[in-house]
Amino acid sequence: MNARLLQFGRALLFVAVLGALALVTGCGTTEPDNQSARPWNSPKSWEGGVPGMTYDRR
C-alpha cells in the first residue's frame, strides 16, 4: 500500500474522530448559578398584542 495513501487515511480518521467528539460533547451545562427568574423563551411585554394598547400578559 502506498505510504502517502496510508498517511491520508490516518489523517482522515483523526479528523472524523475529532468531529465525533465535538458532536458528542456539545456545550450544555448543568450549572445551578445559570438560572434566571424569567425563562428565556417567555414572551416579553412588548411582543404581541395590539400596538398602543397596554397589555401585560405575565
Protein backbone atom coordinates (compact mmCIF):
# COMPACT_ATOMS: atom_id res chain seq x y z
CA MET A 1 0.00 0.00 0.00
CA ASN A 2 1.21 3.47 -0.77
CA ALA A 3 2.65 5.25 2.29
CA ARG A 4 1.10 8.56 1.27
CA LEU A 5 -2.36 6.97 1.00
CA LEU A 6 -1.92 5.36 4.41
CA GLN A 7 -0.97 8.72 5.93
CA PHE A 8 -4.01 10.36 4.31
CA GLY A 9 -6.27 7.63 5.73
CA ARG A 10 -4.92 8.15 9.23
CA ALA A 11 -5.41 11.91 8.96
CA LEU A 12 -8.96 11.40 7.72
CA LEU A 13 -9.68 9.04 10.62
CA PHE A 14 -8.26 11.57 13.07
CA VAL A 15 -10.49 14.34 11.69
CA ALA A 16 -13.54 12.04 11.85
CA VAL A 17 -12.81 11.18 15.49
CA LEU A 18 -12.41 14.86 16.37
CA GLY A 19 -15.69 15.66 14.63
CA ALA A 20 -17.50 12.90 16.51
CA LEU A 21 -16.09 14.15 19.81
CA ALA A 22 -17.22 17.69 19.03
CA LEU A 23 -20.76 16.47 18.35
CA VAL A 24 -20.92 14.33 21.48
CA THR A 25 -19.53 16.83 23.98
CA GLY A 26 -21.73 19.79 23.00
CA CYS A 27 -21.90 22.95 25.06
CA GLY A 28 -24.69 22.22 27.55
CA THR A 29 -24.22 22.88 31.23
CA THR A 30 -25.99 21.99 34.44
CA GLU A 31 -24.69 24.92 36.49
CA PRO A 32 -27.29 25.99 39.05
CA ASP A 33 -25.85 29.54 39.07
CA ASN A 34 -27.04 29.99 35.50
CA GLN A 35 -30.74 30.08 36.45
CA SER A 36 -32.83 33.10 35.62
CA ALA A 37 -36.04 34.24 37.26
CA ARG A 38 -37.67 34.52 33.84
CA PRO A 39 -37.31 31.75 31.26
CA TRP A 40 -35.52 32.72 28.07
CA ASN A 41 -38.44 31.80 25.83
CA SER A 42 -41.22 33.58 27.71
CA PRO A 43 -42.82 36.44 25.75
CA LYS A 44 -41.64 39.94 26.59
CA SER A 45 -44.08 42.71 27.44
CA TRP A 46 -43.53 44.39 24.05
CA GLU A 47 -44.11 41.23 21.98
CA GLY A 48 -47.56 40.58 20.58
CA GLY A 49 -50.76 42.40 21.34
CA VAL A 50 -52.29 45.40 19.62
CA PRO A 51 -50.00 48.42 19.17
CA GLY A 52 -50.93 51.26 21.51
CA MET A 53 -52.74 49.03 23.97
CA THR A 54 -51.23 48.31 27.37
CA TYR A 55 -51.48 44.56 27.62
CA ASP A 56 -49.19 42.83 30.07
CA ARG A 57 -49.53 39.05 30.00
CA ARG A 58 -47.26 37.98 32.81
